[in-house]
PDB file of N, CA and C in Angstrom:
ATOM      1  N   UNK A   1      38.149  -9.823 -27.634  1.00  0.00           N
ATOM      2  CA  UNK A   1      37.114  -9.871 -26.534  1.00  0.00           C
ATOM      3  C   UNK A   1      35.790  -8.995 -27.018  1.00  0.00           C
ATOM      4  N   UNK A   2      34.848  -9.176 -26.398  1.00  0.00           N
ATOM      5  CA  UNK A   2      33.479  -8.709 -26.631  1.00  0.00           C
ATOM      6  C   UNK A   2      32.701  -8.787 -25.601  1.00  0.00           C
ATOM      7  N   UNK A   3      31.539  -8.000 -25.860  1.00  0.00           N
ATOM      8  CA  UNK A   3      30.367  -7.899 -24.950  1.00  0.00           C
ATOM      9  C   UNK A   3      29.327  -8.975 -25.612  1.00  0.00           C
ATOM     10  N   UNK A   4      28.692  -9.908 -24.830  1.00  0.00           N
ATOM     11  CA  UNK A   4      27.675 -10.729 -25.206  1.00  0.00           C
ATOM     12  C   UNK A   4      26.383 -10.106 -24.585  1.00  0.00           C
ATOM     13  N   UNK A   5      25.533  -9.367 -25.317  1.00  0.00           N
ATOM     14  CA  UNK A   5      24.352  -8.795 -24.543  1.00  0.00           C
ATOM     15  C   UNK A   5      23.169  -9.462 -25.014  1.00  0.00           C
ATOM     16  N   UNK A   6      22.093  -9.639 -24.182  1.00  0.00           N
ATOM     17  CA  UNK A   6      20.936 -10.260 -24.417  1.00  0.00           C
ATOM     18  C   UNK A   6      19.867  -9.744 -23.664  1.00  0.00           C
ATOM     19  N   UNK A   7      18.646  -9.877 -24.258  1.00  0.00           N
ATOM     20  CA  UNK A   7      17.335  -9.480 -23.348  1.00  0.00           C
ATOM     21  C   UNK A   7      16.865 -10.735 -22.934  1.00  0.00           C
ATOM     22  N   UNK A   8      16.551 -10.783 -21.577  1.00  0.00           N
ATOM     23  CA  UNK A   8      16.131 -11.795 -20.794  1.00  0.00           C
ATOM     24  C   UNK A   8      14.789 -11.795 -20.189  1.00  0.00           C
ATOM     25  N   UNK A   9      14.040 -12.982 -20.251  1.00  0.00           N
ATOM     26  CA  UNK A   9      12.770 -12.852 -19.605  1.00  0.00           C
ATOM     27  C   UNK A   9      12.761 -12.308 -18.137  1.00  0.00           C
ATOM     28  N   UNK A  10      11.858 -11.576 -17.881  1.00  0.00           N
ATOM     29  CA  UNK A  10      12.062 -11.040 -16.555  1.00  0.00           C
ATOM     30  C   UNK A  10      11.654 -11.935 -15.196  1.00  0.00           C
ATOM     31  N   UNK A  11      10.909 -13.065 -15.786  1.00  0.00           N
ATOM     32  CA  UNK A  11      10.499 -14.122 -14.667  1.00  0.00           C
ATOM     33  C   UNK A  11      11.676 -15.378 -14.667  1.00  0.00           C
ATOM     34  N   UNK A  12      11.872 -15.852 -15.703  1.00  0.00           N
ATOM     35  CA  UNK A  12      12.636 -17.104 -15.952  1.00  0.00           C
ATOM     36  C   UNK A  12      14.101 -16.604 -16.082  1.00  0.00           C
ATOM     37  N   UNK A  13      14.588 -15.456 -16.548  1.00  0.00           N
ATOM     38  CA  UNK A  13      15.832 -15.020 -16.680  1.00  0.00           C
ATOM     39  C   UNK A  13      16.428 -15.770 -17.887  1.00  0.00           C
ATOM     40  N   UNK A  14      15.760 -16.551 -18.623  1.00  0.00           N
ATOM     41  CA  UNK A  14      16.355 -17.140 -19.711  1.00  0.00           C
ATOM     42  C   UNK A  14      16.356 -16.216 -21.072  1.00  0.00           C
ATOM     43  N   UNK A  15      17.189 -16.515 -21.884  1.00  0.00           N
ATOM     44  CA  UNK A  15      17.318 -15.564 -23.028  1.00  0.00           C
ATOM     45  C   UNK A  15      15.980 -15.547 -23.878  1.00  0.00           C
ATOM     46  N   UNK A  16      15.422 -14.336 -24.227  1.00  0.00           N
ATOM     47  CA  UNK A  16      14.354 -14.392 -25.077  1.00  0.00           C
ATOM     48  C   UNK A  16      14.391 -15.034 -26.235  1.00  0.00           C
ATOM     49  N   UNK A  17      13.652 -15.699 -26.948  1.00  0.00           N
ATOM     50  CA  UNK A  17      13.483 -16.251 -28.215  1.00  0.00           C
ATOM     51  C   UNK A  17      12.359 -15.570 -28.931  1.00  0.00           C
ATOM     52  N   UNK A  18      12.662 -15.322 -30.121  1.00  0.00           N
ATOM     53  CA  UNK A  18      11.463 -14.784 -31.108  1.00  0.00           C
ATOM     54  C   UNK A  18      11.162 -15.977 -32.189  1.00  0.00           C
ATOM     55  N   UNK A  19       9.954 -15.788 -32.678  1.00  0.00           N
ATOM     56  CA  UNK A  19       9.392 -16.852 -33.674  1.00  0.00           C
ATOM     57  C   UNK A  19      10.188 -16.855 -34.756  1.00  0.00           C
ATOM     58  N   UNK A  20      10.698 -15.656 -35.464  1.00  0.00           N
ATOM     59  CA  UNK A  20      11.556 -15.691 -36.636  1.00  0.00           C
ATOM     60  C   UNK A  20      12.748 -15.386 -36.301  1.00  0.00           C
ATOM     61  N   UNK A  21      13.920 -15.947 -37.049  1.00  0.00           N
ATOM     62  CA  UNK A  21      15.125 -15.476 -36.835  1.00  0.00           C
ATOM     63  C   UNK A  21      15.486 -14.050 -37.137  1.00  0.00           C
ATOM     64  N   UNK A  22      16.395 -13.270 -36.503  1.00  0.00           N
ATOM     65  CA  UNK A  22      16.851 -11.899 -36.904  1.00  0.00           C
ATOM     66  C   UNK A  22      18.209 -12.091 -37.470  1.00  0.00           C
ATOM     67  N   UNK A  23      18.582 -11.212 -38.295  1.00  0.00           N
ATOM     68  CA  UNK A  23      19.903 -11.117 -39.051  1.00  0.00           C
ATOM     69  C   UNK A  23      20.898  -9.858 -38.561  1.00  0.00           C
ATOM     70  N   UNK A  24      20.552  -9.492 -37.177  1.00  0.00           N
ATOM     71  CA  UNK A  24      21.373  -8.490 -36.658  1.00  0.00           C
ATOM     72  C   UNK A  24      22.584  -9.106 -36.255  1.00  0.00           C
ATOM     73  N   UNK A  25      23.826  -8.397 -36.805  1.00  0.00           N
ATOM     74  CA  UNK A  25      25.163  -9.110 -36.630  1.00  0.00           C
ATOM     75  C   UNK A  25      26.172  -8.179 -36.106  1.00  0.00           C
ATOM     76  N   UNK A  26      27.023  -8.893 -35.127  1.00  0.00           N
ATOM     77  CA  UNK A  26      27.945  -8.237 -34.317  1.00  0.00           C
ATOM     78  C   UNK A  26      29.284  -8.846 -34.850  1.00  0.00           C
ATOM     79  N   UNK A  27      30.236  -9.066 -33.701  1.00  0.00           N
ATOM     80  CA  UNK A  27      31.427  -9.642 -33.872  1.00  0.00           C
ATOM     81  C   UNK A  27      31.300 -11.180 -34.116  1.00  0.00           C
ATOM     82  N   UNK A  28      30.248 -11.720 -33.645  1.00  0.00           N
ATOM     83  CA  UNK A  28      30.006 -13.104 -33.945  1.00  0.00           C
ATOM     84  C   UNK A  28      28.546 -13.263 -34.213  1.00  0.00           C
ATOM     85  N   UNK A  29      28.173 -14.078 -34.956  1.00  0.00           N
ATOM     86  CA  UNK A  29      26.789 -14.147 -35.357  1.00  0.00           C
ATOM     87  C   UNK A  29      26.455 -15.651 -35.710  1.00  0.00           C
ATOM     88  N   UNK A  30      25.110 -16.041 -35.742  1.00  0.00           N
ATOM     89  CA  UNK A  30      24.831 -17.314 -36.138  1.00  0.00           C
ATOM     90  C   UNK A  30      24.290 -17.241 -37.540  1.00  0.00           C
ATOM     91  N   UNK A  31      24.905 -18.088 -38.298  1.00  0.00           N
ATOM     92  CA  UNK A  31      24.505 -18.225 -39.930  1.00  0.00           C
ATOM     93  C   UNK A  31      23.091 -18.694 -39.985  1.00  0.00           C
ATOM     94  N   UNK A  32      22.303 -18.176 -40.773  1.00  0.00           N
ATOM     95  CA  UNK A  32      20.917 -18.350 -40.894  1.00  0.00           C
ATOM     96  C   UNK A  32      19.960 -17.609 -40.132  1.00  0.00           C
ATOM     97  N   UNK A  33      20.591 -16.730 -39.267  1.00  0.00           N
ATOM     98  CA  UNK A  33      19.848 -15.900 -38.305  1.00  0.00           C
ATOM     99  C   UNK A  33      19.827 -16.456 -36.840  1.00  0.00           C
ATOM    100  N   UNK A  34      19.437 -15.635 -35.969  1.00  0.00           N
ATOM    101  CA  UNK A  34      19.385 -15.937 -34.545  1.00  0.00           C
ATOM    102  C   UNK A  34      17.905 -15.632 -33.987  1.00  0.00           C
ATOM    103  N   UNK A  35      17.467 -16.581 -33.261  1.00  0.00           N
ATOM    104  CA  UNK A  35      16.093 -16.607 -32.547  1.00  0.00           C
ATOM    105  C   UNK A  35      16.124 -16.070 -31.116  1.00  0.00           C
ATOM    106  N   UNK A  36      17.161 -15.927 -30.723  1.00  0.00           N
ATOM    107  CA  UNK A  36      17.484 -15.203 -29.438  1.00  0.00           C
ATOM    108  C   UNK A  36      17.619 -13.754 -29.394  1.00  0.00           C
ATOM    109  N   UNK A  37      17.289 -13.012 -28.622  1.00  0.00           N
ATOM    110  CA  UNK A  37      17.380 -11.531 -28.618  1.00  0.00           C
ATOM    111  C   UNK A  37      18.814 -11.312 -27.985  1.00  0.00           C
ATOM    112  N   UNK A  38      19.766 -11.590 -28.867  1.00  0.00           N
ATOM    113  CA  UNK A  38      21.298 -11.559 -28.387  1.00  0.00           C
ATOM    114  C   UNK A  38      22.086 -10.878 -29.460  1.00  0.00           C
ATOM    115  N   UNK A  39      23.094 -10.041 -28.985  1.00  0.00           N
ATOM    116  CA  UNK A  39      24.075  -9.367 -29.936  1.00  0.00           C
ATOM    117  C   UNK A  39      25.573  -9.466 -29.180  1.00  0.00           C
ATOM    118  N   UNK A  40      26.472  -9.735 -30.132  1.00  0.00           N
ATOM    119  CA  UNK A  40      27.956  -9.724 -29.669  1.00  0.00           C
ATOM    120  C   UNK A  40      28.407  -8.361 -30.173  1.00  0.00           C
ATOM    121  N   UNK A  41      28.990  -7.607 -29.448  1.00  0.00           N
ATOM    122  CA  UNK A  41      29.448  -6.496 -29.782  1.00  0.00           C
ATOM    123  C   UNK A  41      31.275  -6.248 -29.318  1.00  0.00           C
ATOM    124  N   UNK A  42      32.037  -6.014 -30.170  1.00  0.00           N
ATOM    125  CA  UNK A  42      33.418  -6.000 -29.929  1.00  0.00           C
ATOM    126  C   UNK A  42      33.763  -4.872 -29.063  1.00  0.00           C
ATOM    127  N   UNK A  43      34.761  -5.107 -28.095  1.00  0.00           N
ATOM    128  CA  UNK A  43      35.153  -4.235 -27.062  1.00  0.00           C
ATOM    129  C   UNK A  43      35.766  -2.981 -27.737  1.00  0.00           C
ATOM    130  N   UNK A  44      36.274  -3.120 -29.074  1.00  0.00           N
ATOM    131  CA  UNK A  44      36.930  -2.065 -29.873  1.00  0.00           C
ATOM    132  C   UNK A  44      36.032  -0.872 -29.732  1.00  0.00           C
ATOM    133  N   UNK A  45      34.878  -0.858 -29.551  1.00  0.00           N
ATOM    134  CA  UNK A  45      33.898   0.265 -29.487  1.00  0.00           C
ATOM    135  C   UNK A  45      33.762   0.864 -28.131  1.00  0.00           C
ATOM    136  N   UNK A  46      34.304   0.256 -27.184  1.00  0.00           N
ATOM    137  CA  UNK A  46      34.074   0.860 -25.799  1.00  0.00           C
ATOM    138  C   UNK A  46      34.481   1.984 -25.554  1.00  0.00           C
ATOM    139  N   UNK A  47      35.541   2.570 -26.015  1.00  0.00           N
ATOM    140  CA  UNK A  47      36.003   3.958 -25.985  1.00  0.00           C
ATOM    141  C   UNK A  47      34.926   4.889 -26.312  1.00  0.00           C
ATOM    142  N   UNK A  48      34.028   4.757 -27.376  1.00  0.00           N
ATOM    143  CA  UNK A  48      32.986   5.492 -27.753  1.00  0.00           C
ATOM    144  C   UNK A  48      31.779   5.523 -26.721  1.00  0.00           C
ATOM    145  N   UNK A  49      31.448   4.272 -26.355  1.00  0.00           N
ATOM    146  CA  UNK A  49      30.437   3.973 -25.233  1.00  0.00           C
ATOM    147  C   UNK A  49      30.562   4.640 -24.002  1.00  0.00           C
ATOM    148  N   UNK A  50      31.992   4.692 -23.674  1.00  0.00           N
ATOM    149  CA  UNK A  50      32.370   5.357 -22.210  1.00  0.00           C
ATOM    150  C   UNK A  50      32.364   7.000 -22.308  1.00  0.00           C
ATOM    151  N   UNK A  51      32.209   7.462 -23.382  1.00  0.00           N
ATOM    152  CA  UNK A  51      32.118   8.851 -23.500  1.00  0.00           C
ATOM    153  C   UNK A  51      30.844   9.377 -22.630  1.00  0.00           C
ATOM    154  N   UNK A  52      31.116  10.571 -21.842  1.00  0.00           N
ATOM    155  CA  UNK A  52      29.995  11.166 -21.136  1.00  0.00           C
ATOM    156  C   UNK A  52      28.791  11.559 -21.999  1.00  0.00           C
ATOM    157  N   UNK A  53      28.981  11.841 -23.189  1.00  0.00           N
ATOM    158  CA  UNK A  53      27.882  12.192 -24.139  1.00  0.00           C
ATOM    159  C   UNK A  53      27.187  11.074 -24.691  1.00  0.00           C
ATOM    160  N   UNK A  54      27.672   9.816 -24.487  1.00  0.00           N
ATOM    161  CA  UNK A  54      27.282   8.683 -25.129  1.00  0.00           C
ATOM    162  C   UNK A  54      26.532   7.846 -23.820  1.00  0.00           C
ATOM    163  N   UNK A  55      27.260   7.038 -23.369  1.00  0.00           N
ATOM    164  CA  UNK A  55      26.584   6.199 -22.169  1.00  0.00           C
ATOM    165  C   UNK A  55      27.296   6.369 -20.793  1.00  0.00           C
ATOM    166  N   UNK A  56      28.507   7.055 -20.773  1.00  0.00           N
ATOM    167  CA  UNK A  56      28.923   7.448 -19.421  1.00  0.00           C
ATOM    168  C   UNK A  56      30.036   6.317 -19.150  1.00  0.00           C
ATOM    169  N   UNK A  57      30.491   6.464 -18.027  1.00  0.00           N
ATOM    170  CA  UNK A  57      31.607   5.729 -17.416  1.00  0.00           C
ATOM    171  C   UNK A  57      31.425   4.094 -17.483  1.00  0.00           C
ATOM    172  N   UNK A  58      30.204   3.803 -17.249  1.00  0.00           N
ATOM    173  CA  UNK A  58      29.921   2.284 -17.538  1.00  0.00           C
ATOM    174  C   UNK A  58      29.845   1.717 -18.868  1.00  0.00           C
ATOM    175  N   UNK A  59      29.800   2.807 -19.858  1.00  0.00           N
ATOM    176  CA  UNK A  59      29.575   2.334 -21.187  1.00  0.00           C
ATOM    177  C   UNK A  59      28.429   1.419 -21.419  1.00  0.00           C
ATOM    178  N   UNK A  60      28.628   0.562 -22.348  1.00  0.00           N
ATOM    179  CA  UNK A  60      27.351  -0.465 -22.643  1.00  0.00           C
ATOM    180  C   UNK A  60      26.654  -0.958 -21.572  1.00  0.00           C
ATOM    181  N   UNK A  61      27.624  -1.187 -20.489  1.00  0.00           N
ATOM    182  CA  UNK A  61      27.044  -1.889 -19.385  1.00  0.00           C
ATOM    183  C   UNK A  61      26.036  -1.131 -18.547  1.00  0.00           C
ATOM    184  N   UNK A  62      25.917   0.125 -18.960  1.00  0.00           N
ATOM    185  CA  UNK A  62      24.911   0.980 -18.122  1.00  0.00           C
ATOM    186  C   UNK A  62      23.373   0.549 -18.446  1.00  0.00           C
ATOM    187  N   UNK A  63      23.264  -0.169 -19.569  1.00  0.00           N
ATOM    188  CA  UNK A  63      21.787  -0.729 -19.840  1.00  0.00           C
ATOM    189  C   UNK A  63      21.619  -2.013 -19.193  1.00  0.00           C
ATOM    190  N   UNK A  64      22.493  -2.651 -18.426  1.00  0.00           N
ATOM    191  CA  UNK A  64      22.378  -3.945 -17.817  1.00  0.00           C
ATOM    192  C   UNK A  64      21.341  -3.847 -16.740  1.00  0.00           C
ATOM    193  N   UNK A  65      20.444  -4.656 -16.623  1.00  0.00           N
ATOM    194  CA  UNK A  65      19.471  -4.543 -15.591  1.00  0.00           C
ATOM    195  C   UNK A  65      18.206  -3.793 -15.888  1.00  0.00           C
ATOM    196  N   UNK A  66      18.259  -2.925 -16.977  1.00  0.00           N
ATOM    197  CA  UNK A  66      17.158  -2.201 -17.424  1.00  0.00           C
ATOM    198  C   UNK A  66      16.248  -2.961 -18.248  1.00  0.00           C
ATOM    199  N   UNK A  67      14.933  -2.526 -18.261  1.00  0.00           N
ATOM    200  CA  UNK A  67      14.112  -3.306 -19.215  1.00  0.00           C
ATOM    201  C   UNK A  67      14.427  -2.655 -20.773  1.00  0.00           C
ATOM    202  N   UNK A  68      13.945  -3.347 -21.748  1.00  0.00           N
ATOM    203  CA  UNK A  68      14.107  -2.933 -22.976  1.00  0.00           C
ATOM    204  C   UNK A  68      13.648  -1.542 -23.077  1.00  0.00           C
ATOM    205  N   UNK A  69      12.176  -1.283 -22.567  1.00  0.00           N
ATOM    206  CA  UNK A  69      11.543   0.048 -22.571  1.00  0.00           C
ATOM    207  C   UNK A  69      12.392   1.102 -21.838  1.00  0.00           C
ATOM    208  N   UNK A  70      12.829   0.834 -20.820  1.00  0.00           N
ATOM    209  CA  UNK A  70      13.818   1.736 -20.064  1.00  0.00           C
ATOM    210  C   UNK A  70      14.943   2.254 -20.915  1.00  0.00           C
ATOM    211  N   UNK A  71      15.541   1.250 -21.707  1.00  0.00           N
ATOM    212  CA  UNK A  71      16.909   1.488 -22.328  1.00  0.00           C
ATOM    213  C   UNK A  71      16.621   2.293 -23.717  1.00  0.00           C
ATOM    214  N   UNK A  72      15.330   2.142 -24.127  1.00  0.00           N
ATOM    215  CA  UNK A  72      15.247   2.638 -25.565  1.00  0.00           C
ATOM    216  C   UNK A  72      15.593   4.248 -25.611  1.00  0.00           C
ATOM    217  N   UNK A  73      15.107   5.125 -24.687  1.00  0.00           N
ATOM    218  CA  UNK A  73      15.580   6.547 -24.882  1.00  0.00           C
ATOM    219  C   UNK A  73      16.974   6.778 -24.590  1.00  0.00           C
ATOM    220  N   UNK A  74      17.672   5.774 -23.583  1.00  0.00           N
ATOM    221  CA  UNK A  74      19.079   6.030 -23.255  1.00  0.00           C
ATOM    222  C   UNK A  74      19.942   5.479 -24.712  1.00  0.00           C
ATOM    223  N   UNK A  75      19.578   4.632 -25.208  1.00  0.00           N
ATOM    224  CA  UNK A  75      20.170   3.904 -26.533  1.00  0.00           C
ATOM    225  C   UNK A  75      20.036   5.018 -27.477  1.00  0.00           C
ATOM    226  N   UNK A  76      18.816   5.602 -27.656  1.00  0.00           N
ATOM    227  CA  UNK A  76      18.554   6.456 -28.810  1.00  0.00           C
ATOM    228  C   UNK A  76      19.450   7.826 -28.712  1.00  0.00           C
ATOM    229  N   UNK A  77      19.586   8.205 -27.347  1.00  0.00           N
ATOM    230  CA  UNK A  77      20.503   9.489 -27.223  1.00  0.00           C
ATOM    231  C   UNK A  77      21.912   9.256 -27.385  1.00  0.00           C
ATOM    232  N   UNK A  78      22.320   7.836 -26.941  1.00  0.00           N
ATOM    233  CA  UNK A  78      23.677   7.429 -27.099  1.00  0.00           C
ATOM    234  C   UNK A  78      23.888   7.350 -28.730  1.00  0.00           C
ATOM    235  N   UNK A  79      23.119   6.861 -29.550  1.00  0.00           N
ATOM    236  CA  UNK A  79      23.215   6.792 -31.007  1.00  0.00           C
ATOM    237  C   UNK A  79      23.317   8.154 -31.606  1.00  0.00           C
ATOM    238  N   UNK A  80      22.536   9.003 -31.069  1.00  0.00           N
ATOM    239  CA  UNK A  80      22.519  10.325 -31.765  1.00  0.00           C
ATOM    240  C   UNK A  80      23.697  11.259 -31.420  1.00  0.00           C
ATOM    241  N   UNK A  81      24.495  10.642 -30.470  1.00  0.00           N
ATOM    242  CA  UNK A  81      25.821  11.379 -30.134  1.00  0.00           C
ATOM    243  C   UNK A  81      26.945  10.948 -30.950  1.00  0.00           C
ATOM    244  N   UNK A  82      26.580   9.923 -31.666  1.00  0.00           N
ATOM    245  CA  UNK A  82      27.851   9.240 -32.518  1.00  0.00           C
ATOM    246  C   UNK A  82      27.531   9.644 -34.051  1.00  0.00           C
ATOM    247  N   UNK A  83      28.789   9.774 -34.568  1.00  0.00           N
ATOM    248  CA  UNK A  83      28.825   9.990 -36.024  1.00  0.00           C
ATOM    249  C   UNK A  83      28.380   9.001 -36.971  1.00  0.00           C
ATOM    250  N   UNK A  84      28.388   9.057 -38.310  1.00  0.00           N
ATOM    251  CA  UNK A  84      28.026   8.016 -39.139  1.00  0.00           C
ATOM    252  C   UNK A  84      29.297   7.526 -40.045  1.00  0.00           C
ATOM    253  N   UNK A  85      30.436   7.689 -39.611  1.00  0.00           N
ATOM    254  CA  UNK A  85      31.647   7.239 -40.226  1.00  0.00           C
ATOM    255  C   UNK A  85      31.898   5.892 -40.230  1.00  0.00           C
ATOM    256  N   UNK A  86      31.226   4.994 -41.201  1.00  0.00           N
ATOM    257  CA  UNK A  86      31.193   3.578 -41.041  1.00  0.00           C
ATOM    258  C   UNK A  86      32.520   3.205 -41.915  1.00  0.00           C
ATOM    259  N   UNK A  87      33.137   2.211 -41.292  1.00  0.00           N
ATOM    260  CA  UNK A  87      34.272   1.468 -41.995  1.00  0.00           C
ATOM    261  C   UNK A  87      33.695   0.164 -42.410  1.00  0.00           C
ATOM    262  N   UNK A  88      34.068  -0.461 -43.705  1.00  0.00           N
ATOM    263  CA  UNK A  88      33.474  -1.648 -44.004  1.00  0.00           C
ATOM    264  C   UNK A  88      34.100  -2.816 -43.114  1.00  0.00           C
ATOM    265  N   UNK A  89      35.176  -2.562 -42.392  1.00  0.00           N
ATOM    266  CA  UNK A  89      35.714  -3.608 -41.486  1.00  0.00           C
ATOM    267  C   UNK A  89      34.986  -3.389 -40.187  1.00  0.00           C
ATOM    268  N   UNK A  90      34.263  -4.305 -39.803  1.00  0.00           N
ATOM    269  CA  UNK A  90      33.433  -4.192 -38.517  1.00  0.00           C
ATOM    270  C   UNK A  90      34.361  -3.976 -37.415  1.00  0.00           C
ATOM    271  N   UNK A  91      35.594  -4.389 -37.244  1.00  0.00           N
ATOM    272  CA  UNK A  91      36.367  -4.203 -36.181  1.00  0.00           C
ATOM    273  C   UNK A  91      36.970  -3.008 -35.935  1.00  0.00           C
ATOM    274  N   UNK A  92      36.996  -1.993 -37.042  1.00  0.00           N
ATOM    275  CA  UNK A  92      37.561  -0.769 -36.903  1.00  0.00           C
ATOM    276  C   UNK A  92      36.817   0.146 -36.046  1.00  0.00           C
ATOM    277  N   UNK A  93      37.259   0.536 -34.961  1.00  0.00           N
ATOM    278  CA  UNK A  93      36.624   1.495 -34.038  1.00  0.00           C
ATOM    279  C   UNK A  93      36.325   2.956 -34.573  1.00  0.00           C
ATOM    280  N   UNK A  94      35.203   3.153 -35.233  1.00  0.00           N
ATOM    281  CA  UNK A  94      34.821   4.484 -35.679  1.00  0.00           C
ATOM    282  C   UNK A  94      33.374   4.593 -34.965  1.00  0.00           C
ATOM    283  N   UNK A  95      33.033   5.971 -34.757  1.00  0.00           N
ATOM    284  CA  UNK A  95      31.810   6.242 -34.334  1.00  0.00           C
ATOM    285  C   UNK A  95      30.583   5.697 -35.146  1.00  0.00           C
ATOM    286  N   UNK A  96      30.576   5.496 -36.508  1.00  0.00           N
ATOM    287  CA  UNK A  96      29.500   4.822 -37.220  1.00  0.00           C
ATOM    288  C   UNK A  96      29.343   3.386 -36.975  1.00  0.00           C
ATOM    289  N   UNK A  97      30.624   2.868 -36.836  1.00  0.00           N
ATOM    290  CA  UNK A  97      30.595   1.320 -36.513  1.00  0.00           C
ATOM    291  C   UNK A  97      30.043   1.024 -35.236  1.00  0.00           C
ATOM    292  N   UNK A  98      30.319   1.828 -34.022  1.00  0.00           N
ATOM    293  CA  UNK A  98      29.989   1.894 -32.674  1.00  0.00           C
ATOM    294  C   UNK A  98      28.517   2.130 -32.712  1.00  0.00           C
ATOM    295  N   UNK A  99      27.895   2.882 -33.618  1.00  0.00           N
ATOM    296  CA  UNK A  99      26.597   3.347 -33.617  1.00  0.00           C
ATOM    297  C   UNK A  99      25.537   2.262 -34.112  1.00  0.00           C
ATOM    298  N   UNK A 100      26.201   1.397 -34.975  1.00  0.00           N
ATOM    299  CA  UNK A 100      25.300   0.313 -35.600  1.00  0.00           C
ATOM    300  C   UNK A 100      24.763  -0.627 -34.636  1.00  0.00           C
ATOM    301  N   UNK A 101      25.714  -1.149 -33.615  1.00  0.00           N
ATOM    302  CA  UNK A 101      25.104  -2.132 -32.557  1.00  0.00           C
ATOM    303  C   UNK A 101      24.103  -1.473 -31.689  1.00  0.00           C
ATOM    304  N   UNK A 102      24.109  -0.088 -31.398  1.00  0.00           N
ATOM    305  CA  UNK A 102      23.156   0.504 -30.544  1.00  0.00           C
ATOM    306  C   UNK A 102      21.693   0.550 -31.290  1.00  0.00           C
ATOM    307  N   UNK A 103      21.693   0.674 -32.485  1.00  0.00           N
ATOM    308  CA  UNK A 103      20.410   0.774 -33.220  1.00  0.00           C
ATOM    309  C   UNK A 103      19.943  -0.635 -33.227  1.00  0.00           C
ATOM    310  N   UNK A 104      20.829  -1.519 -33.348  1.00  0.00           N
ATOM    311  CA  UNK A 104      20.403  -2.952 -33.285  1.00  0.00           C
ATOM    312  C   UNK A 104      19.709  -3.333 -31.923  1.00  0.00           C
ATOM    313  N   UNK A 105      20.339  -2.924 -30.777  1.00  0.00           N
ATOM    314  CA  UNK A 105      19.850  -3.075 -29.544  1.00  0.00           C
ATOM    315  C   UNK A 105      18.440  -2.254 -29.333  1.00  0.00           C
ATOM    316  N   UNK A 106      18.417  -1.192 -30.003  1.00  0.00           N
ATOM    317  CA  UNK A 106      17.075  -0.414 -29.881  1.00  0.00           C
ATOM    318  C   UNK A 106      15.984  -1.444 -30.669  1.00  0.00           C
ATOM    319  N   UNK A 107      16.269  -1.901 -31.623  1.00  0.00           N
ATOM    320  CA  UNK A 107      15.414  -2.701 -32.427  1.00  0.00           C
ATOM    321  C   UNK A 107      14.947  -4.010 -31.405  1.00  0.00           C
ATOM    322  N   UNK A 108      15.915  -4.516 -30.859  1.00  0.00           N
ATOM    323  CA  UNK A 108      15.588  -5.687 -30.031  1.00  0.00           C
ATOM    324  C   UNK A 108      14.653  -5.343 -28.773  1.00  0.00           C
ATOM    325  N   UNK A 109      15.053  -4.145 -28.254  1.00  0.00           N
ATOM    326  CA  UNK A 109      14.137  -3.470 -27.013  1.00  0.00           C
ATOM    327  C   UNK A 109      12.751  -3.324 -27.530  1.00  0.00           C
ATOM    328  N   UNK A 110      12.580  -2.988 -28.847  1.00  0.00           N
ATOM    329  CA  UNK A 110      11.214  -2.525 -29.282  1.00  0.00           C
ATOM    330  C   UNK A 110      10.443  -3.981 -29.389  1.00  0.00           C
ATOM    331  N   UNK A 111      11.138  -4.980 -29.681  1.00  0.00           N
ATOM    332  CA  UNK A 111      10.627  -6.345 -29.924  1.00  0.00           C
ATOM    333  C   UNK A 111      10.065  -6.781 -28.559  1.00  0.00           C
ATOM    334  N   UNK A 112      10.889  -6.674 -27.470  1.00  0.00           N
ATOM    335  CA  UNK A 112      10.498  -7.185 -26.136  1.00  0.00           C
ATOM    336  C   UNK A 112      10.781  -6.207 -25.177  1.00  0.00           C
ATOM    337  N   UNK A 113       9.941  -5.070 -25.150  1.00  0.00           N
ATOM    338  CA  UNK A 113      10.115  -3.949 -24.101  1.00  0.00           C
ATOM    339  C   UNK A 113      10.198  -4.519 -22.628  1.00  0.00           C
ATOM    340  N   UNK A 114       9.620  -5.646 -22.433  1.00  0.00           N
ATOM    341  CA  UNK A 114       9.739  -6.167 -21.039  1.00  0.00           C
ATOM    342  C   UNK A 114      10.878  -6.866 -20.595  1.00  0.00           C
ATOM    343  N   UNK A 115      11.475  -7.168 -21.521  1.00  0.00           N
ATOM    344  CA  UNK A 115      12.993  -8.047 -21.391  1.00  0.00           C
ATOM    345  C   UNK A 115      13.759  -7.210 -20.447  1.00  0.00           C
ATOM    346  N   UNK A 116      14.744  -8.023 -19.771  1.00  0.00           N
ATOM    347  CA  UNK A 116      15.745  -7.214 -18.967  1.00  0.00           C
ATOM    348  C   UNK A 116      17.060  -7.418 -19.629  1.00  0.00           C
ATOM    349  N   UNK A 117      17.916  -6.432 -19.795  1.00  0.00           N
ATOM    350  CA  UNK A 117      19.216  -6.480 -20.508  1.00  0.00           C
ATOM    351  C   UNK A 117      20.247  -7.236 -19.424  1.00  0.00           C
ATOM    352  N   UNK A 118      21.060  -8.148 -20.057  1.00  0.00           N
ATOM    353  CA  UNK A 118      22.093  -8.738 -19.311  1.00  0.00           C
ATOM    354  C   UNK A 118      23.259  -8.962 -20.380  1.00  0.00           C
ATOM    355  N   UNK A 119      24.424  -9.017 -19.767  1.00  0.00           N
ATOM    356  CA  UNK A 119      25.697  -9.219 -20.546  1.00  0.00           C
ATOM    357  C   UNK A 119      26.915  -9.482 -19.918  1.00  0.00           C
ATOM    358  N   UNK A 120      27.729  -9.680 -20.783  1.00  0.00           N
ATOM    359  CA  UNK A 120      29.230  -9.870 -20.655  1.00  0.00           C
ATOM    360  C   UNK A 120      29.665 -11.240 -21.025  1.00  0.00           C
TER     361      UNK A 120
END
């Protein structure tokens, strides 16, 4: 299981597409890059996202409904609360592995700060 998180247009609610493909990868990804501002994140990291010092009770869902701009300081704070212990196996729930998707979401939010987060 996983979270499918995307930035959506505030008017049309369609997934936002960018001109050039990005290569941010989660649990699933598109070969050759993806032109939608979308990321798949494994539920394995949920235990870290739900910590009070990270995103709190709602976990990653805390950003749903926020604009990219609104989410940036929240995601930065969450990423700063996590360690850097990366395991080469994406599926291993470590703080470092859980941090990487947060940094990718920040990058997407900077690309389209007007977009609205949606997911699941």
